[in-house]
PDB file of N, CA and C in Angstrom:
ATOM      1  N   ASN A   1     136.464 -20.816 112.009  1.00  0.00           N
ATOM      2  CA  ASN A   1     137.958 -21.921 112.510  1.00  0.00           C
ATOM      3  C   ASN A   1     136.989 -23.247 111.649  1.00  0.00           C
ATOM      4  N   THR A   2     137.550 -24.200 110.792  1.00  0.00           N
ATOM      5  CA  THR A   2     136.998 -24.555 109.485  1.00  0.00           C
ATOM      6  C   THR A   2     137.889 -25.570 110.282  1.00  0.00           C
ATOM      7  N   HIS A   3     137.643 -26.980 111.223  1.00  0.00           N
ATOM      8  CA  HIS A   3     138.451 -28.391 110.983  1.00  0.00           C
ATOM      9  C   HIS A   3     138.012 -29.591 109.453  1.00  0.00           C
ATOM     10  N   PRO A   4     139.203 -29.441 109.762  1.00  0.00           N
ATOM     11  CA  PRO A   4     139.002 -30.952 107.878  1.00  0.00           C
ATOM     12  C   PRO A   4     138.563 -32.046 108.098  1.00  0.00           C
ATOM     13  N   THR A   5     138.100 -32.436 109.389  1.00  0.00           N
ATOM     14  CA  THR A   5     136.999 -33.210 109.622  1.00  0.00           C
ATOM     15  C   THR A   5     135.230 -33.478 109.416  1.00  0.00           C
ATOM     16  N   MET A   6     135.572 -31.746 110.278  1.00  0.00           N
ATOM     17  CA  MET A   6     133.950 -31.484 110.366  1.00  0.00           C
ATOM     18  C   MET A   6     133.205 -31.293 108.810  1.00  0.00           C
ATOM     19  N   ASN A   7     131.897 -31.738 109.144  1.00  0.00           N
ATOM     20  CA  ASN A   7     131.157 -30.881 107.594  1.00  0.00           C
ATOM     21  C   ASN A   7     130.143 -29.473 107.878  1.00  0.00           C
ATOM     22  N   THR A   8     130.641 -29.425 107.012  1.00  0.00           N
ATOM     23  CA  THR A   8     130.431 -27.351 107.154  1.00  0.00           C
ATOM     24  C   THR A   8     129.320 -27.202 106.650  1.00  0.00           C
ATOM     25  N   HIS A   9     128.313 -28.072 106.664  1.00  0.00           N
ATOM     26  CA  HIS A   9     126.905 -28.408 105.717  1.00  0.00           C
ATOM     27  C   HIS A   9     126.461 -27.321 104.245  1.00  0.00           C
ATOM     28  N   THR A  10     127.938 -28.333 103.701  1.00  0.00           N
ATOM     29  CA  THR A  10     127.729 -28.357 101.889  1.00  0.00           C
ATOM     30  C   THR A  10     126.984 -29.012 102.100  1.00  0.00           C
ATOM     31  N   HIS A  11     126.254 -29.661 100.935  1.00  0.00           N
ATOM     32  CA  HIS A  11     125.356 -30.523 100.355  1.00  0.00           C
ATOM     33  C   HIS A  11     126.805 -31.189  98.881  1.00  0.00           C
ATOM     34  N   THR A  12     126.701 -31.790  98.880  1.00  0.00           N
ATOM     35  CA  THR A  12     127.143 -32.998  98.424  1.00  0.00           C
ATOM     36  C   THR A  12     125.952 -33.580  97.939  1.00  0.00           C
ATOM     37  N   PRO A  13     126.192 -34.576  96.396  1.00  0.00           N
ATOM     38  CA  PRO A  13     125.264 -35.217  96.015  1.00  0.00           C
ATOM     39  C   PRO A  13     124.966 -36.752  97.046  1.00  0.00           C
ATOM     40  N   ASN A  14     126.371 -36.456  97.958  1.00  0.00           N
ATOM     41  CA  ASN A  14     125.689 -38.619  98.777  1.00  0.00           C
ATOM     42  C   ASN A  14     125.370 -37.512 100.000  1.00  0.00           C
ATOM     43  N   HIS A  15     124.807 -36.620 100.196  1.00  0.00           N
ATOM     44  CA  HIS A  15     124.300 -36.259 100.987  1.00  0.00           C
ATOM     45  C   HIS A  15     122.719 -35.055 101.124  1.00  0.00           C
ATOM     46  N   ASN A  16     122.295 -35.685 100.364  1.00  0.00           N
ATOM     47  CA  ASN A  16     120.882 -34.510  99.909  1.00  0.00           C
ATOM     48  C   ASN A  16     120.062 -35.399 101.169  1.00  0.00           C
ATOM     49  N   TRP A  17     120.223 -36.264 101.720  1.00  0.00           N
ATOM     50  CA  TRP A  17     119.210 -36.410 102.342  1.00  0.00           C
ATOM     51  C   TRP A  17     119.366 -36.074 103.694  1.00  0.00           C
ATOM     52  N   GLU A  18     120.495 -35.640 104.334  1.00  0.00           N
ATOM     53  CA  GLU A  18     120.654 -34.768 105.187  1.00  0.00           C
ATOM     54  C   GLU A  18     119.042 -33.882 105.083  1.00  0.00           C
ATOM     55  N   ASP A  19     119.282 -33.561 104.571  1.00  0.00           N
ATOM     56  CA  ASP A  19     117.931 -32.002 104.814  1.00  0.00           C
ATOM     57  C   ASP A  19     116.351 -32.924 104.961  1.00  0.00           C
ATOM     58  N   ILE A  20     116.671 -34.152 104.361  1.00  0.00           N
ATOM     59  CA  ILE A  20     114.886 -34.840 104.938  1.00  0.00           C
ATOM     60  C   ILE A  20     114.670 -35.386 105.984  1.00  0.00           C
ATOM     61  N   LYS A  21     115.781 -36.632 106.504  1.00  0.00           N
ATOM     62  CA  LYS A  21     116.009 -37.209 107.309  1.00  0.00           C
ATOM     63  C   LYS A  21     115.170 -37.004 108.754  1.00  0.00           C
ATOM     64  N   GLU A  22     115.556 -35.781 108.827  1.00  0.00           N
ATOM     65  CA  GLU A  22     114.716 -35.702 110.182  1.00  0.00           C
ATOM     66  C   GLU A  22     113.140 -36.110 110.361  1.00  0.00           C
ATOM     67  N   ASN A  23     112.521 -35.942 108.748  1.00  0.00           N
ATOM     68  CA  ASN A  23     111.164 -36.213 108.766  1.00  0.00           C
ATOM     69  C   ASN A  23     110.368 -37.679 108.108  1.00  0.00           C
ATOM     70  N   THR A  24     112.035 -38.431 107.983  1.00  0.00           N
ATOM     71  CA  THR A  24     112.299 -40.021 107.821  1.00  0.00           C
ATOM     72  C   THR A  24     111.299 -40.940 109.005  1.00  0.00           C
ATOM     73  N   ALA A  25     110.466 -41.816 108.245  1.00  0.00           N
ATOM     74  CA  ALA A  25     110.105 -42.297 109.201  1.00  0.00           C
ATOM     75  C   ALA A  25     111.559 -44.107 109.274  1.00  0.00           C
ATOM     76  N   PRO A  26     112.063 -43.808 110.639  1.00  0.00           N
ATOM     77  CA  PRO A  26     113.336 -45.078 110.700  1.00  0.00           C
ATOM     78  C   PRO A  26     112.666 -46.603 110.360  1.00  0.00           C
ATOM     79  N   LEU A  27     113.240 -47.804 110.194  1.00  0.00           N
ATOM     80  CA  LEU A  27     112.964 -48.727 109.685  1.00  0.00           C
ATOM     81  C   LEU A  27     113.921 -49.443 109.991  1.00  0.00           C
ATOM     82  N   ILE A  28     112.798 -50.796 110.732  1.00  0.00           N
ATOM     83  CA  ILE A  28     114.466 -52.031 111.766  1.00  0.00           C
ATOM     84  C   ILE A  28     115.313 -52.427 111.089  1.00  0.00           C
ATOM     85  N   GLN A  29     115.120 -52.533 109.186  1.00  0.00           N
ATOM     86  CA  GLN A  29     116.118 -53.427 108.907  1.00  0.00           C
ATOM     87  C   GLN A  29     117.033 -52.094 108.339  1.00  0.00           C
ATOM     88  N   GLY A  30     117.008 -50.377 108.584  1.00  0.00           N
ATOM     89  CA  GLY A  30     117.492 -49.205 108.303  1.00  0.00           C
ATOM     90  C   GLY A  30     116.706 -49.123 106.162  1.00  0.00           C
ATOM     91  N   ARG A  31     117.184 -47.909 105.690  1.00  0.00           N
ATOM     92  CA  ARG A  31     117.106 -47.264 104.700  1.00  0.00           C
ATOM     93  C   ARG A  31     117.097 -46.977 103.544  1.00  0.00           C
ATOM     94  N   ASN A  32     118.251 -47.594 102.945  1.00  0.00           N
ATOM     95  CA  ASN A  32     118.557 -47.333 101.712  1.00  0.00           C
ATOM     96  C   ASN A  32     119.011 -45.676 100.973  1.00  0.00           C
ATOM     97  N   VAL A  33     120.524 -45.310 101.206  1.00  0.00           N
ATOM     98  CA  VAL A  33     120.931 -44.341 101.493  1.00  0.00           C
ATOM     99  C   VAL A  33     120.829 -43.534  99.718  1.00  0.00           C
ATOM    100  N   THR A  34     121.135 -44.294  99.143  1.00  0.00           N
ATOM    101  CA  THR A  34     121.297 -44.582  97.888  1.00  0.00           C
ATOM    102  C   THR A  34     119.834 -43.531  96.522  1.00  0.00           C
ATOM    103  N   ALA A  35     119.052 -44.536  97.600  1.00  0.00           N
ATOM    104  CA  ALA A  35     116.831 -43.714  97.724  1.00  0.00           C
ATOM    105  C   ALA A  35     116.910 -43.070  98.250  1.00  0.00           C
ATOM    106  N   LEU A  36     117.718 -42.882  99.342  1.00  0.00           N
ATOM    107  CA  LEU A  36     116.830 -41.302 100.123  1.00  0.00           C
ATOM    108  C   LEU A  36     118.004 -39.890  99.249  1.00  0.00           C
ATOM    109  N   ASN A  37     118.568 -40.424  98.936  1.00  0.00           N
ATOM    110  CA  ASN A  37     119.326 -39.088  98.129  1.00  0.00           C
ATOM    111  C   ASN A  37     118.920 -39.101  96.786  1.00  0.00           C
ATOM    112  N   GLN A  38     117.598 -40.248  96.173  1.00  0.00           N
ATOM    113  CA  GLN A  38     117.682 -39.624  94.956  1.00  0.00           C
ATOM    114  C   GLN A  38     115.928 -39.317  95.047  1.00  0.00           C
ATOM    115  N   HIS A  39     115.384 -39.321  96.080  1.00  0.00           N
ATOM    116  CA  HIS A  39     114.313 -38.945  96.563  1.00  0.00           C
ATOM    117  C   HIS A  39     114.187 -37.344  97.190  1.00  0.00           C
ATOM    118  N   ALA A  40     115.700 -36.892  97.790  1.00  0.00           N
ATOM    119  CA  ALA A  40     115.780 -35.793  98.244  1.00  0.00           C
ATOM    120  C   ALA A  40     116.075 -35.071  97.308  1.00  0.00           C
ATOM    121  N   ALA A  41     117.234 -35.281  95.803  1.00  0.00           N
ATOM    122  CA  ALA A  41     117.666 -34.960  95.198  1.00  0.00           C
ATOM    123  C   ALA A  41     116.634 -34.382  93.915  1.00  0.00           C
ATOM    124  N   SER A  42     114.937 -34.899  93.964  1.00  0.00           N
ATOM    125  CA  SER A  42     114.703 -34.516  92.802  1.00  0.00           C
ATOM    126  C   SER A  42     112.636 -35.017  93.122  1.00  0.00           C
ATOM    127  N   ASN A  43     112.907 -33.239  94.261  1.00  0.00           N
ATOM    128  CA  ASN A  43     111.317 -33.547  94.579  1.00  0.00           C
ATOM    129  C   ASN A  43     110.637 -32.047  93.003  1.00  0.00           C
ATOM    130  N   SER A  44     111.263 -32.750  92.587  1.00  0.00           N
ATOM    131  CA  SER A  44     110.021 -31.992  90.774  1.00  0.00           C
ATOM    132  C   SER A  44     108.595 -32.549  90.218  1.00  0.00           C
ATOM    133  N   SER A  45     108.242 -32.340  90.002  1.00  0.00           N
ATOM    134  CA  SER A  45     106.805 -31.985  89.507  1.00  0.00           C
ATOM    135  C   SER A  45     107.068 -33.416  88.530  1.00  0.00           C
ATOM    136  N   THR A  46     108.031 -33.791  87.764  1.00  0.00           N
ATOM    137  CA  THR A  46     107.677 -35.221  86.589  1.00  0.00           C
ATOM    138  C   THR A  46     109.030 -35.758  87.314  1.00  0.00           C
ATOM    139  N   ASN A  47     109.183 -35.810  88.503  1.00  0.00           N
ATOM    140  CA  ASN A  47     109.933 -37.150  89.215  1.00  0.00           C
ATOM    141  C   ASN A  47     108.637 -37.544  89.662  1.00  0.00           C
ATOM    142  N   GLN A  48     107.372 -36.035  91.124  1.00  0.00           N
ATOM    143  CA  GLN A  48     106.444 -37.122  91.465  1.00  0.00           C
ATOM    144  C   GLN A  48     105.051 -37.777  90.075  1.00  0.00           C
ATOM    145  N   ALA A  49     105.263 -37.182  89.596  1.00  0.00           N
ATOM    146  CA  ALA A  49     104.023 -38.008  88.613  1.00  0.00           C
ATOM    147  C   ALA A  49     104.845 -39.441  88.166  1.00  0.00           C
ATOM    148  N   ILE A  50     106.098 -39.186  88.063  1.00  0.00           N
ATOM    149  CA  ILE A  50     106.929 -40.705  87.704  1.00  0.00           C
ATOM    150  C   ILE A  50     106.113 -41.906  88.491  1.00  0.00           C
ATOM    151  N   LEU A  51     106.821 -41.107  90.004  1.00  0.00           N
ATOM    152  CA  LEU A  51     106.691 -41.781  90.735  1.00  0.00           C
ATOM    153  C   LEU A  51     104.812 -42.813  91.076  1.00  0.00           C
ATOM    154  N   GLU A  52     104.353 -41.365  90.874  1.00  0.00           N
ATOM    155  CA  GLU A  52     102.360 -41.236  90.819  1.00  0.00           C
ATOM    156  C   GLU A  52     102.018 -43.104  90.255  1.00  0.00           C
ATOM    157  N   GLN A  53     102.692 -42.690  88.297  1.00  0.00           N
ATOM    158  CA  GLN A  53     102.837 -44.203  87.780  1.00  0.00           C
ATOM    159  C   GLN A  53     103.295 -45.327  88.415  1.00  0.00           C
ATOM    160  N   LYS A  54     104.537 -45.253  88.798  1.00  0.00           N
ATOM    161  CA  LYS A  54     104.471 -46.469  89.521  1.00  0.00           C
ATOM    162  C   LYS A  54     103.794 -47.446  90.294  1.00  0.00           C
ATOM    163  N   ARG A  55     103.652 -46.364  91.341  1.00  0.00           N
ATOM    164  CA  ARG A  55     102.457 -46.863  92.355  1.00  0.00           C
ATOM    165  C   ARG A  55     100.905 -47.040  92.360  1.00  0.00           C
ATOM    166  N   SER A  56     100.216 -46.549  90.701  1.00  0.00           N
ATOM    167  CA  SER A  56      99.457 -47.509  89.535  1.00  0.00           C
ATOM    168  C   SER A  56      99.483 -48.329  89.672  1.00  0.00           C
ATOM    169  N   HIS A  57     101.172 -48.029  88.894  1.00  0.00           N
ATOM    170  CA  HIS A  57     101.405 -49.704  88.010  1.00  0.00           C
ATOM    171  C   HIS A  57     101.505 -51.125  89.879  1.00  0.00           C
ATOM    172  N   TYR A  58     101.741 -50.533  90.538  1.00  0.00           N
ATOM    173  CA  TYR A  58     101.786 -51.863  92.102  1.00  0.00           C
ATOM    174  C   TYR A  58     100.737 -51.415  92.299  1.00  0.00           C
ATOM    175  N   GLU A  59      99.933 -51.101  92.043  1.00  0.00           N
ATOM    176  CA  GLU A  59      98.273 -51.177  92.459  1.00  0.00           C
ATOM    177  C   GLU A  59      97.435 -52.162  91.508  1.00  0.00           C
ATOM    178  N   GLN A  60      98.215 -52.098  90.555  1.00  0.00           N
ATOM    179  CA  GLN A  60      97.472 -52.714  89.308  1.00  0.00           C
ATOM    180  C   GLN A  60      97.909 -54.572  89.472  1.00  0.00           C
ATOM    181  N   THR A  61      99.367 -53.867  89.144  1.00  0.00           N
ATOM    182  CA  THR A  61     100.258 -55.258  89.939  1.00  0.00           C
ATOM    183  C   THR A  61      98.824 -56.688  91.039  1.00  0.00           C
ATOM    184  N   LEU A  62      99.172 -55.785  91.988  1.00  0.00           N
ATOM    185  CA  LEU A  62      98.114 -56.693  93.437  1.00  0.00           C
ATOM    186  C   LEU A  62      97.142 -57.613  92.857  1.00  0.00           C
ATOM    187  N   GLN A  63      96.015 -56.871  91.751  1.00  0.00           N
ATOM    188  CA  GLN A  63      95.037 -57.237  91.339  1.00  0.00           C
ATOM    189  C   GLN A  63      95.588 -58.746  90.008  1.00  0.00           C
ATOM    190  N   GLU A  64      96.918 -58.181  89.484  1.00  0.00           N
ATOM    191  CA  GLU A  64      97.178 -59.367  88.690  1.00  0.00           C
ATOM    192  C   GLU A  64      97.680 -60.239  89.342  1.00  0.00           C
ATOM    193  N   GLU A  65      97.797 -60.687  90.344  1.00  0.00           N
ATOM    194  CA  GLU A  65      99.039 -61.433  90.877  1.00  0.00           C
ATOM    195  C   GLU A  65      98.380 -62.119  92.285  1.00  0.00           C
ATOM    196  N   LYS A  66      97.188 -62.164  92.549  1.00  0.00           N
ATOM    197  CA  LYS A  66      96.713 -62.292  92.900  1.00  0.00           C
ATOM    198  C   LYS A  66      96.351 -64.635  92.916  1.00  0.00           C
ATOM    199  N   PHE A  67      96.177 -64.105  91.592  1.00  0.00           N
ATOM    200  CA  PHE A  67      96.037 -66.322  91.320  1.00  0.00           C
ATOM    201  C   PHE A  67      97.099 -66.996  90.706  1.00  0.00           C
ATOM    202  N   LYS A  68      98.232 -65.781  91.508  1.00  0.00           N
ATOM    203  CA  LYS A  68      99.651 -66.727  91.309  1.00  0.00           C
ATOM    204  C   LYS A  68      99.994 -67.624  92.469  1.00  0.00           C
ATOM    205  N   LYS A  69     101.646 -68.218  91.987  1.00  0.00           N
ATOM    206  CA  LYS A  69     102.034 -69.051  93.183  1.00  0.00           C
ATOM    207  C   LYS A  69     102.034 -68.416  94.829  1.00  0.00           C
ATOM    208  N   ASP A  70     103.169 -67.012  95.118  1.00  0.00           N
ATOM    209  CA  ASP A  70     102.965 -66.568  96.202  1.00  0.00           C
ATOM    210  C   ASP A  70     102.441 -64.983  95.989  1.00  0.00           C
ATOM    211  N   PRO A  71     101.245 -64.969  96.259  1.00  0.00           N
ATOM    212  CA  PRO A  71     100.850 -63.533  96.593  1.00  0.00           C
ATOM    213  C   PRO A  71     100.731 -62.617  97.071  1.00  0.00           C
ATOM    214  N   LEU A  72     101.772 -63.197  97.745  1.00  0.00           N
ATOM    215  CA  LEU A  72     102.666 -62.174  98.713  1.00  0.00           C
ATOM    216  C   LEU A  72     103.920 -62.007  98.382  1.00  0.00           C
ATOM    217  N   ILE A  73     104.098 -62.148  97.656  1.00  0.00           N
ATOM    218  CA  ILE A  73     105.647 -60.902  96.772  1.00  0.00           C
ATOM    219  C   ILE A  73     105.539 -59.794  96.280  1.00  0.00           C
ATOM    220  N   PRO A  74     104.015 -59.737  95.269  1.00  0.00           N
ATOM    221  CA  PRO A  74     103.716 -57.602  94.979  1.00  0.00           C
ATOM    222  C   PRO A  74     103.189 -56.827  95.820  1.00  0.00           C
ATOM    223  N   TRP A  75     102.473 -57.173  97.097  1.00  0.00           N
ATOM    224  CA  TRP A  75     102.436 -56.454  98.211  1.00  0.00           C
ATOM    225  C   TRP A  75     104.131 -55.804  98.488  1.00  0.00           C
ATOM    226  N   LEU A  76     104.641 -57.404  98.529  1.00  0.00           N
ATOM    227  CA  LEU A  76     106.249 -56.652  99.544  1.00  0.00           C
ATOM    228  C   LEU A  76     107.208 -55.733  98.493  1.00  0.00           C
ATOM    229  N   LYS A  77     107.123 -55.909  97.338  1.00  0.00           N
ATOM    230  CA  LYS A  77     107.894 -54.905  96.864  1.00  0.00           C
ATOM    231  C   LYS A  77     106.737 -53.411  96.266  1.00  0.00           C
ATOM    232  N   TYR A  78     105.750 -53.615  96.441  1.00  0.00           N
ATOM    233  CA  TYR A  78     104.934 -52.474  96.340  1.00  0.00           C
ATOM    234  C   TYR A  78     105.571 -51.654  97.871  1.00  0.00           C
ATOM    235  N   LEU A  79     105.576 -52.337  98.910  1.00  0.00           N
ATOM    236  CA  LEU A  79     105.232 -51.642 100.443  1.00  0.00           C
ATOM    237  C   LEU A  79     107.477 -51.216 100.597  1.00  0.00           C
ATOM    238  N   LYS A  80     108.006 -52.179  99.793  1.00  0.00           N
ATOM    239  CA  LYS A  80     109.819 -51.349  99.144  1.00  0.00           C
ATOM    240  C   LYS A  80     109.561 -50.528  98.833  1.00  0.00           C
ATOM    241  N   PHE A  81     108.487 -50.090  97.731  1.00  0.00           N
ATOM    242  CA  PHE A  81     108.844 -48.790  97.217  1.00  0.00           C
ATOM    243  C   PHE A  81     107.856 -47.719  97.387  1.00  0.00           C
ATOM    244  N   LEU A  82     107.198 -47.665  98.158  1.00  0.00           N
ATOM    245  CA  LEU A  82     106.669 -47.147  99.352  1.00  0.00           C
ATOM    246  C   LEU A  82     107.902 -46.345 101.021  1.00  0.00           C
ATOM    247  N   GLN A  83     108.052 -46.640 100.188  1.00  0.00           N
ATOM    248  CA  GLN A  83     109.286 -46.665 101.859  1.00  0.00           C
ATOM    249  C   GLN A  83     110.206 -45.986 101.473  1.00  0.00           C
ATOM    250  N   GLU A  84     111.035 -46.235 100.198  1.00  0.00           N
ATOM    251  CA  GLU A  84     111.976 -45.831  99.603  1.00  0.00           C
ATOM    252  C   GLU A  84     111.763 -44.955  98.844  1.00  0.00           C
ATOM    253  N   SER A  85     110.587 -45.005  97.979  1.00  0.00           N
ATOM    254  CA  SER A  85     110.264 -43.463  97.441  1.00  0.00           C
ATOM    255  C   SER A  85     109.452 -42.304  98.307  1.00  0.00           C
ATOM    256  N   PHE A  86     108.949 -42.600  99.206  1.00  0.00           N
ATOM    257  CA  PHE A  86     108.219 -41.307  99.812  1.00  0.00           C
ATOM    258  C   PHE A  86     108.491 -42.233 101.557  1.00  0.00           C
ATOM    259  N   PRO A  87     109.557 -41.761 102.177  1.00  0.00           N
ATOM    260  CA  PRO A  87     110.298 -42.106 103.461  1.00  0.00           C
ATOM    261  C   PRO A  87     109.780 -40.974 103.995  1.00  0.00           C
ATOM    262  N   GLN A  88     109.080 -40.185 103.867  1.00  0.00           N
ATOM    263  CA  GLN A  88     108.165 -39.194 104.783  1.00  0.00           C
ATOM    264  C   GLN A  88     106.837 -39.279 104.869  1.00  0.00           C
ATOM    265  N   ASP A  89     105.969 -40.293 104.131  1.00  0.00           N
ATOM    266  CA  ASP A  89     104.586 -40.315 103.942  1.00  0.00           C
ATOM    267  C   ASP A  89     105.228 -42.039 104.841  1.00  0.00           C
ATOM    268  N   THR A  90     104.260 -42.038 106.168  1.00  0.00           N
ATOM    269  CA  THR A  90     104.213 -42.876 106.483  1.00  0.00           C
ATOM    270  C   THR A  90     102.827 -43.403 106.821  1.00  0.00           C
ATOM    271  N   GLN A  91     102.158 -42.625 106.747  1.00  0.00           N
ATOM    272  CA  GLN A  91     100.840 -43.218 106.548  1.00  0.00           C
ATOM    273  C   GLN A  91     100.253 -43.889 105.167  1.00  0.00           C
ATOM    274  N   GLN A  92     100.766 -43.680 103.798  1.00  0.00           N
ATOM    275  CA  GLN A  92     100.425 -44.835 102.485  1.00  0.00           C
ATOM    276  C   GLN A  92     101.267 -46.403 103.145  1.00  0.00           C
ATOM    277  N   SER A  93     102.450 -46.148 104.216  1.00  0.00           N
ATOM    278  CA  SER A  93     103.098 -47.949 103.800  1.00  0.00           C
ATOM    279  C   SER A  93     102.029 -47.880 104.815  1.00  0.00           C
ATOM    280  N   PHE A  94     101.800 -47.795 105.645  1.00  0.00           N
ATOM    281  CA  PHE A  94     100.736 -47.562 107.180  1.00  0.00           C
ATOM    282  C   PHE A  94      99.310 -48.579 106.680  1.00  0.00           C
ATOM    283  N   LEU A  95      99.460 -47.923 106.160  1.00  0.00           N
ATOM    284  CA  LEU A  95      97.445 -48.392 105.052  1.00  0.00           C
ATOM    285  C   LEU A  95      97.843 -49.112 104.252  1.00  0.00           C
ATOM    286  N   LEU A  96      98.676 -49.605 103.228  1.00  0.00           N
ATOM    287  CA  LEU A  96      98.969 -51.136 102.480  1.00  0.00           C
ATOM    288  C   LEU A  96      99.188 -52.135 103.120  1.00  0.00           C
ATOM    289  N   MET A  97      99.939 -51.490 104.424  1.00  0.00           N
ATOM    290  CA  MET A  97      99.702 -52.568 105.441  1.00  0.00           C
ATOM    291  C   MET A  97      98.669 -52.928 105.850  1.00  0.00           C
ATOM    292  N   GLU A  98      98.524 -52.784 105.954  1.00  0.00           N
ATOM    293  CA  GLU A  98      96.266 -52.857 106.750  1.00  0.00           C
ATOM    294  C   GLU A  98      96.182 -53.344 105.366  1.00  0.00           C
ATOM    295  N   ARG A  99      95.896 -52.789 104.833  1.00  0.00           N
ATOM    296  CA  ARG A  99      94.985 -53.601 103.343  1.00  0.00           C
ATOM    297  C   ARG A  99      95.482 -55.114 103.113  1.00  0.00           C
ATOM    298  N   CYS A 100      97.300 -54.972 103.097  1.00  0.00           N
ATOM    299  CA  CYS A 100      97.895 -56.323 102.741  1.00  0.00           C
ATOM    300  C   CYS A 100      97.692 -57.478 104.035  1.00  0.00           C
ATOM    301  N   THR A 101      97.477 -56.924 105.683  1.00  0.00           N
ATOM    302  CA  THR A 101      96.974 -57.889 106.353  1.00  0.00           C
ATOM    303  C   THR A 101      95.322 -58.541 105.933  1.00  0.00           C
ATOM    304  N   ARG A 102      94.449 -57.132 105.628  1.00  0.00           N
ATOM    305  CA  ARG A 102      93.262 -58.001 105.414  1.00  0.00           C
ATOM    306  C   ARG A 102      93.229 -58.599 104.597  1.00  0.00           C
ATOM    307  N   ALA A 103      93.873 -58.506 103.322  1.00  0.00           N
ATOM    308  CA  ALA A 103      93.521 -59.138 102.488  1.00  0.00           C
ATOM    309  C   ALA A 103      93.631 -61.139 102.570  1.00  0.00           C
ATOM    310  N   PHE A 104      94.949 -61.261 103.689  1.00  0.00           N
ATOM    311  CA  PHE A 104      95.827 -62.732 103.969  1.00  0.00           C
ATOM    312  C   PHE A 104      95.843 -63.404 104.998  1.00  0.00           C
ATOM    313  N   LEU A 105      94.210 -62.562 105.470  1.00  0.00           N
ATOM    314  CA  LEU A 105      93.498 -62.226 106.976  1.00  0.00           C
ATOM    315  C   LEU A 105      93.056 -63.924 107.459  1.00  0.00           C
ATOM    316  N   SER A 106      92.644 -64.559 105.968  1.00  0.00           N
ATOM    317  CA  SER A 106      91.722 -65.499 106.142  1.00  0.00           C
ATOM    318  C   SER A 106      92.999 -66.888 105.250  1.00  0.00           C
ATOM    319  N   ASN A 107      93.815 -66.748 105.366  1.00  0.00           N
ATOM    320  CA  ASN A 107      94.606 -66.960 105.203  1.00  0.00           C
ATOM    321  C   ASN A 107      95.591 -68.002 105.408  1.00  0.00           C
ATOM    322  N   SER A 108      95.234 -69.514 105.801  1.00  0.00           N
ATOM    323  CA  SER A 108      96.015 -70.129 106.476  1.00  0.00           C
ATOM    324  C   SER A 108      97.756 -70.555 105.526  1.00  0.00           C
ATOM    325  N   PHE A 109      98.151 -70.607 104.603  1.00  0.00           N
ATOM    326  CA  PHE A 109      99.352 -71.043 103.944  1.00  0.00           C
ATOM    327  C   PHE A 109     100.137 -69.119 104.544  1.00  0.00           C
ATOM    328  N   TYR A 110      99.374 -68.327 105.598  1.00  0.00           N
ATOM    329  CA  TYR A 110     100.858 -67.186 105.325  1.00  0.00           C
ATOM    330  C   TYR A 110     100.769 -66.815 107.206  1.00  0.00           C
ATOM    331  N   LYS A 111     100.200 -67.786 107.516  1.00  0.00           N
ATOM    332  CA  LYS A 111      99.478 -67.749 109.083  1.00  0.00           C
ATOM    333  C   LYS A 111     101.039 -67.362 110.010  1.00  0.00           C
ATOM    334  N   ASN A 112     102.578 -68.072 109.574  1.00  0.00           N
ATOM    335  CA  ASN A 112     103.471 -68.091 109.912  1.00  0.00           C
ATOM    336  C   ASN A 112     105.113 -68.021 109.276  1.00  0.00           C
ATOM    337  N   ASP A 113     104.443 -67.025 108.396  1.00  0.00           N
ATOM    338  CA  ASP A 113     105.224 -67.017 107.197  1.00  0.00           C
ATOM    339  C   ASP A 113     106.098 -65.373 107.899  1.00  0.00           C
ATOM    340  N   THR A 114     106.971 -65.608 107.872  1.00  0.00           N
ATOM    341  CA  THR A 114     108.130 -63.888 108.146  1.00  0.00           C
ATOM    342  C   THR A 114     107.346 -62.981 107.862  1.00  0.00           C
ATOM    343  N   ARG A 115     107.346 -62.783 106.313  1.00  0.00           N
ATOM    344  CA  ARG A 115     107.905 -61.931 105.751  1.00  0.00           C
ATOM    345  C   ARG A 115     106.271 -60.878 105.875  1.00  0.00           C
ATOM    346  N   TYR A 116     105.109 -62.181 105.877  1.00  0.00           N
ATOM    347  CA  TYR A 116     103.617 -61.240 106.374  1.00  0.00           C
ATOM    348  C   TYR A 116     103.152 -60.848 107.516  1.00  0.00           C
ATOM    349  N   LEU A 117     103.974 -61.660 108.888  1.00  0.00           N
ATOM    350  CA  LEU A 117     103.998 -60.587 110.274  1.00  0.00           C
ATOM    351  C   LEU A 117     105.129 -59.796 110.546  1.00  0.00           C
ATOM    352  N   ARG A 118     106.119 -60.260 109.275  1.00  0.00           N
ATOM    353  CA  ARG A 118     107.311 -58.608 110.217  1.00  0.00           C
ATOM    354  C   ARG A 118     105.201 -57.058 108.777  1.00  0.00           C
TER     355      ARG A 118
END
């Protein structure tokens, strides 16, 4: 007995995230479903290596950008990358936020910046 509007647990490319959503941390601003689908569909070792290369690039960018006009931008981009690429790994996002907080703790420029406070 199938109803035309009922989902019959078949996985189309647009619903891969259904398999991982139970362990995915919610975000206040919501999540990018396309990024979630890409993450769910690509758990291959090749994809993991690419993600690790990107993570390494973001780490390098944090060091290179610290003297530019707005050094918070690379931190925010890195955090967004972690949240979209590793939706189930909230510890990495938390550790990055902690590092960012420590890096700008004594910087009065960011004291009331809403990007920093989030």
